[in-house]
C-alpha atoms as a PDB file:
ATOM      1  CA  MET A   1     -26.749 -30.343 -42.682  1.00  0.00           C
ATOM      2  CA  THR A   2     -27.151 -27.434 -40.526  1.00  0.00           C
ATOM      3  CA  LEU A   3     -30.761 -28.547 -39.097  1.00  0.00           C
ATOM      4  CA  GLY A   4     -29.932 -25.996 -36.076  1.00  0.00           C
ATOM      5  CA  TYR A   5     -29.395 -22.822 -37.889  1.00  0.00           C
ATOM      6  CA  LYS A   6     -32.403 -23.237 -39.574  1.00  0.00           C
ATOM      7  CA  ARG A   7     -34.662 -23.770 -36.943  1.00  0.00           C
ATOM      8  CA  ALA A   8     -32.979 -20.467 -35.209  1.00  0.00           C
ATOM      9  CA  VAL A   9     -33.574 -18.216 -38.081  1.00  0.00           C
ATOM     10  CA  ARG A  10     -37.271 -19.409 -39.070  1.00  0.00           C
ATOM     11  CA  ARG A  11     -39.986 -16.820 -38.707  1.00  0.00           C
ATOM     12  CA  ASN A  12     -42.944 -18.848 -38.759  1.00  0.00           C
ATOM     13  CA  GLY A  13     -42.845 -19.784 -34.773  1.00  0.00           C
ATOM     14  CA  GLY A  14     -39.764 -22.048 -34.811  1.00  0.00           C
ATOM     15  CA  PRO A  15     -37.716 -22.300 -31.499  1.00  0.00           C
ATOM     16  CA  GLY A  16     -36.409 -18.995 -29.618  1.00  0.00           C
ATOM     17  CA  PHE A  17     -37.877 -16.485 -27.261  1.00  0.00           C
ATOM     18  CA  THR A  18     -41.217 -14.370 -27.278  1.00  0.00           C
ATOM     19  CA  LEU A  19     -40.887 -10.629 -26.920  1.00  0.00           C
ATOM     20  CA  THR A  20     -42.920 -11.410 -23.536  1.00  0.00           C
ATOM     21  CA  GLU A  21     -40.418 -13.791 -22.160  1.00  0.00           C
ATOM     22  CA  VAL A  22     -37.493 -11.122 -23.217  1.00  0.00           C
ATOM     23  CA  ILE A  23     -39.216  -8.585 -20.961  1.00  0.00           C
ATOM     24  CA  ILE A  24     -40.103 -10.919 -18.186  1.00  0.00           C
ATOM     25  CA  ALA A  25     -36.549 -12.223 -17.909  1.00  0.00           C
ATOM     26  CA  LEU A  26     -35.180  -8.421 -17.864  1.00  0.00           C
ATOM     27  CA  ALA A  27     -38.109  -7.612 -15.075  1.00  0.00           C
ATOM     28  CA  ILE A  28     -36.460 -10.536 -13.414  1.00  0.00           C
ATOM     29  CA  ALA A  29     -32.855  -9.636 -14.040  1.00  0.00           C
ATOM     30  CA  GLY A  30     -33.513  -5.912 -12.936  1.00  0.00           C
ATOM     31  CA  LEU A  31     -35.270  -7.011  -9.958  1.00  0.00           C
ATOM     32  CA  ALA A  32     -32.649  -9.500  -8.798  1.00  0.00           C
ATOM     33  CA  PHE A  33     -29.845  -6.475  -9.098  1.00  0.00           C
ATOM     34  CA  SER A  34     -31.840  -3.678  -7.420  1.00  0.00           C
ATOM     35  CA  VAL A  35     -32.108  -6.716  -4.288  1.00  0.00           C
ATOM     36  CA  VAL A  36     -28.680  -6.881  -4.622  1.00  0.00           C
ATOM     37  CA  ILE A  37     -27.691  -3.314  -4.416  1.00  0.00           C
ATOM     38  CA  GLY A  38     -30.525  -2.061  -1.778  1.00  0.00           C
ATOM     39  CA  GLY A  39     -28.345  -5.200   0.334  1.00  0.00           C
ATOM     40  CA  TYR A  40     -25.140  -3.319  -0.257  1.00  0.00           C
ATOM     41  CA  VAL A  41     -26.758   0.266   0.351  1.00  0.00           C
ATOM     42  CA  THR A  42     -28.140  -1.457   3.801  1.00  0.00           C
ATOM     43  CA  ALA A  43     -24.880  -3.019   4.810  1.00  0.00           C
ATOM     44  CA  ILE A  44     -23.240   0.433   4.447  1.00  0.00           C
ATOM     45  CA  ASP A  45     -25.591   2.294   6.424  1.00  0.00           C
ATOM     46  CA  HIS A  46     -25.182  -0.210   9.308  1.00  0.00           C
ATOM     47  CA  GLY A  47     -21.663  -0.092   9.022  1.00  0.00           C
ATOM     48  CA  GLU A  48     -21.608   3.794   9.341  1.00  0.00           C
ATOM     49  CA  TRP A  49     -24.078   3.198  12.147  1.00  0.00           C
ATOM     50  CA  SER A  50     -21.844   0.684  13.921  1.00  0.00           C
ATOM     51  CA  ALA A  51     -18.950   2.957  13.596  1.00  0.00           C
ATOM     52  CA  TYR A  52     -20.665   6.085  15.163  1.00  0.00           C
ATOM     53  CA  SER A  53     -21.934   3.785  17.849  1.00  0.00           C
ATOM     54  CA  LEU A  54     -18.432   2.696  18.848  1.00  0.00           C
ATOM     55  CA  ALA A  55     -17.134   5.878  18.979  1.00  0.00           C
ATOM     56  CA  ALA A  56     -20.051   7.330  21.084  1.00  0.00           C
ATOM     57  CA  GLN A  57     -19.238   4.455  23.700  1.00  0.00           C
ATOM     58  CA  SER A  58     -15.626   5.312  23.655  1.00  0.00           C
ATOM     59  CA  LEU A  59     -16.796   9.040  24.518  1.00  0.00           C
ATOM     60  CA  ALA A  60     -18.787   7.652  26.941  1.00  0.00           C
ATOM     61  CA  MET A  61     -15.728   5.743  28.594  1.00  0.00           C
ATOM     62  CA  GLN A  62     -13.635   8.700  28.214  1.00  0.00           C
ATOM     63  CA  GLY A  63     -16.069  10.706  30.511  1.00  0.00           C
ATOM     64  CA  THR A  64     -16.342   8.029  33.212  1.00  0.00           C
ATOM     65  CA  GLU A  65     -12.281   7.785  33.194  1.00  0.00           C
ATOM     66  CA  GLN A  66     -12.280  11.083  33.876  1.00  0.00           C
ATOM     67  CA  ALA A  67     -14.400  11.389  36.690  1.00  0.00           C
ATOM     68  CA  ARG A  68     -12.481   8.293  37.740  1.00  0.00           C
ATOM     69  CA  ALA A  69      -9.389  10.255  37.582  1.00  0.00           C
ATOM     70  CA  ALA A  70     -10.155  13.147  39.837  1.00  0.00           C
ATOM     71  CA  LYS A  71      -9.468  12.425  43.433  1.00  0.00           C
ATOM     72  CA  TRP A  72     -11.403  11.303  46.176  1.00  0.00           C
ATOM     73  CA  ASP A  73     -10.279  10.341  50.304  1.00  0.00           C
ATOM     74  CA  PRO A  74     -12.734  11.533  52.628  1.00  0.00           C
ATOM     75  CA  GLN A  75     -10.338   9.987  55.421  1.00  0.00           C
ATOM     76  CA  GLN A  76      -7.920  12.834  54.841  1.00  0.00           C
ATOM     77  CA  TRP A  77      -7.842  15.442  56.834  1.00  0.00           C
ATOM     78  CA  PRO A  78      -9.233  18.142  55.462  1.00  0.00           C
ATOM     79  CA  VAL A  79     -11.229  16.218  53.124  1.00  0.00           C
ATOM     80  CA  LEU A  80      -9.979  15.618  49.683  1.00  0.00           C
ATOM     81  CA  ASP A  81     -13.236  15.459  47.026  1.00  0.00           C
ATOM     82  CA  GLU A  82     -12.289  16.448  43.284  1.00  0.00           C
ATOM     83  CA  LEU A  83     -15.096  14.233  42.446  1.00  0.00           C
ATOM     84  CA  GLY A  84     -17.863  15.818  44.264  1.00  0.00           C
ATOM     85  CA  ILE A  85     -22.302  14.863  43.448  1.00  0.00           C
ATOM     86  CA  THR A  86     -22.515  16.509  40.447  1.00  0.00           C
ATOM     87  CA  ASN A  87     -23.706  16.528  36.880  1.00  0.00           C
ATOM     88  CA  TYR A  88     -21.900  18.085  34.104  1.00  0.00           C
ATOM     89  CA  THR A  89     -21.970  17.947  30.260  1.00  0.00           C
ATOM     90  CA  GLU A  90     -19.570  17.846  27.453  1.00  0.00           C
ATOM     91  CA  VAL A  91     -19.376  18.404  23.703  1.00  0.00           C
ATOM     92  CA  ASN A  92     -17.017  16.470  21.311  1.00  0.00           C
ATOM     93  CA  THR A  93     -16.848  15.801  17.935  1.00  0.00           C
ATOM     94  CA  LEU A  94     -16.905  11.699  17.568  1.00  0.00           C
ATOM     95  CA  ASP A  95     -13.729  10.115  16.516  1.00  0.00           C
ATOM     96  CA  VAL A  96     -14.619   8.673  13.216  1.00  0.00           C
ATOM     97  CA  ALA A  97     -12.953   9.282   9.908  1.00  0.00           C
ATOM     98  CA  MET A  98     -15.053  11.043   7.764  1.00  0.00           C
ATOM     99  CA  SER A  99     -15.259  13.672   4.531  1.00  0.00           C
ATOM    100  CA  GLY A 100     -18.087  15.371   5.688  1.00  0.00           C
ATOM    101  CA  GLN A 101     -19.528  17.840   8.571  1.00  0.00           C
ATOM    102  CA  PRO A 102     -18.204  16.562  11.978  1.00  0.00           C
ATOM    103  CA  ILE A 103     -20.031  14.392  14.082  1.00  0.00           C
ATOM    104  CA  TYR A 104     -20.933  16.347  17.830  1.00  0.00           C
ATOM    105  CA  ALA A 105     -21.838  14.409  20.543  1.00  0.00           C
ATOM    106  CA  THR A 106     -23.081  15.352  24.102  1.00  0.00           C
ATOM    107  CA  ASN A 107     -21.595  13.883  26.767  1.00  0.00           C
ATOM    108  CA  TYR A 108     -24.250  13.401  30.179  1.00  0.00           C
ATOM    109  CA  ILE A 109     -22.158  12.762  33.050  1.00  0.00           C
ATOM    110  CA  SER A 110     -23.272  12.439  36.587  1.00  0.00           C
ATOM    111  CA  ILE A 111     -21.859  11.009  39.965  1.00  0.00           C
ATOM    112  CA  THR A 112     -24.267  10.149  42.748  1.00  0.00           C
ATOM    113  CA  THR A 113     -23.918   8.540  45.767  1.00  0.00           C
ATOM    114  CA  VAL A 114     -24.635   4.813  46.156  1.00  0.00           C
ATOM    115  CA  SER A 115     -23.574   4.036  49.475  1.00  0.00           C
ATOM    116  CA  PRO A 116     -22.321   6.374  52.262  1.00  0.00           C
ATOM    117  CA  ASP A 117     -20.747   3.311  54.971  1.00  0.00           C
ATOM    118  CA  PRO A 118     -18.362   2.054  52.811  1.00  0.00           C
ATOM    119  CA  PRO A 119     -18.336   5.260  50.756  1.00  0.00           C
ATOM    120  CA  ILE A 120     -19.259   4.491  47.117  1.00  0.00           C
ATOM    121  CA  ARG A 121     -19.932   6.557  44.119  1.00  0.00           C
ATOM    122  CA  GLN A 122     -21.651   5.669  40.463  1.00  0.00           C
ATOM    123  CA  LEU A 123     -20.306   7.410  37.705  1.00  0.00           C
ATOM    124  CA  ARG A 124     -22.752   7.355  34.602  1.00  0.00           C
ATOM    125  CA  ALA A 125     -22.042   9.058  31.163  1.00  0.00           C
ATOM    126  CA  ASP A 126     -24.741   9.260  28.622  1.00  0.00           C
ATOM    127  CA  CYS A 127     -23.224  10.026  25.326  1.00  0.00           C
ATOM    128  CA  VAL A 128     -26.449  11.180  22.722  1.00  0.00           C
ATOM    129  CA  TRP A 129     -25.451  11.551  19.011  1.00  0.00           C
ATOM    130  CA  VAL A 130     -27.113  11.896  16.036  1.00  0.00           C
ATOM    131  CA  LEU A 131     -26.307  10.153  12.621  1.00  0.00           C
ATOM    132  CA  ASN A 132     -26.440  12.380   9.562  1.00  0.00           C
ATOM    133  CA  GLY A 133     -27.950  10.581   6.804  1.00  0.00           C
ATOM    134  CA  ARG A 134     -26.766  10.093   3.405  1.00  0.00           C
ATOM    135  CA  ARG A 135     -30.518  10.987   2.319  1.00  0.00           C
ATOM    136  CA  SER A 136     -30.650  14.674   3.504  1.00  0.00           C
ATOM    137  CA  ARG A 137     -31.798  13.281   6.754  1.00  0.00           C
ATOM    138  CA  ASN A 138     -30.920  12.789  10.336  1.00  0.00           C
ATOM    139  CA  ILE A 139     -31.322   9.885  12.118  1.00  0.00           C
ATOM    140  CA  GLY A 140     -31.681   9.430  15.998  1.00  0.00           C
ATOM    141  CA  PRO A 141     -30.922  10.269  18.813  1.00  0.00           C
ATOM    142  CA  PHE A 142     -29.059   7.623  19.845  1.00  0.00           C
ATOM    143  CA  THR A 143     -28.005   7.285  23.781  1.00  0.00           C
ATOM    144  CA  ASN A 144     -24.529   5.232  24.739  1.00  0.00           C
ATOM    145  CA  THR A 145     -24.315   4.856  28.336  1.00  0.00           C
ATOM    146  CA  ALA A 146     -21.116   3.696  30.168  1.00  0.00           C
ATOM    147  CA  ILE A 147     -21.843   3.010  34.300  1.00  0.00           C
ATOM    148  CA  THR A 148     -19.045   2.396  36.477  1.00  0.00           C
ATOM    149  CA  PHE A 149     -18.685   2.547  40.242  1.00  0.00           C
ATOM    150  CA  ARG A 150     -15.939   3.941  42.440  1.00  0.00           C
ATOM    151  CA  ALA A 151     -14.732   3.248  45.870  1.00  0.00           C
ATOM    152  CA  VAL A 152     -12.585   5.662  47.741  1.00  0.00           C
ATOM    153  CA  ASP A 153      -8.891   6.580  46.869  1.00  0.00           C
ATOM    154  CA  GLN A 154      -9.221   3.838  44.018  1.00  0.00           C
END
């Protein structure tokens, strides 16, 4: 006989799910889906932040490399010093693939003397940037720093 079929169709408290059990099961499933979607959104936000941070670090390294490219030879006559003890700023866009507005970053480059004998200078670039969030808010500012030292004629 079809005994299992009769049990599923019975209306007087036979086997099956009550409305309360169905609602609780749907609530648990909805909570699980919202946690998974929240995890994806968080992963996307962290990935975007990492991309911008890497682009800002690259921009900071460009600033120190530009300063390293300047000629500096105090032993030559007349003294050749294109490097100088100075501070300057550059505003550039971060090199990130995007579909919206460009993200601007400011490079603060400073050159200081570490030692007069032997002559050594420190080249420091601080790249400051702000992440434009998707939720119409800006996050930051963040700073990526690159520091290197330079001796004469290097």
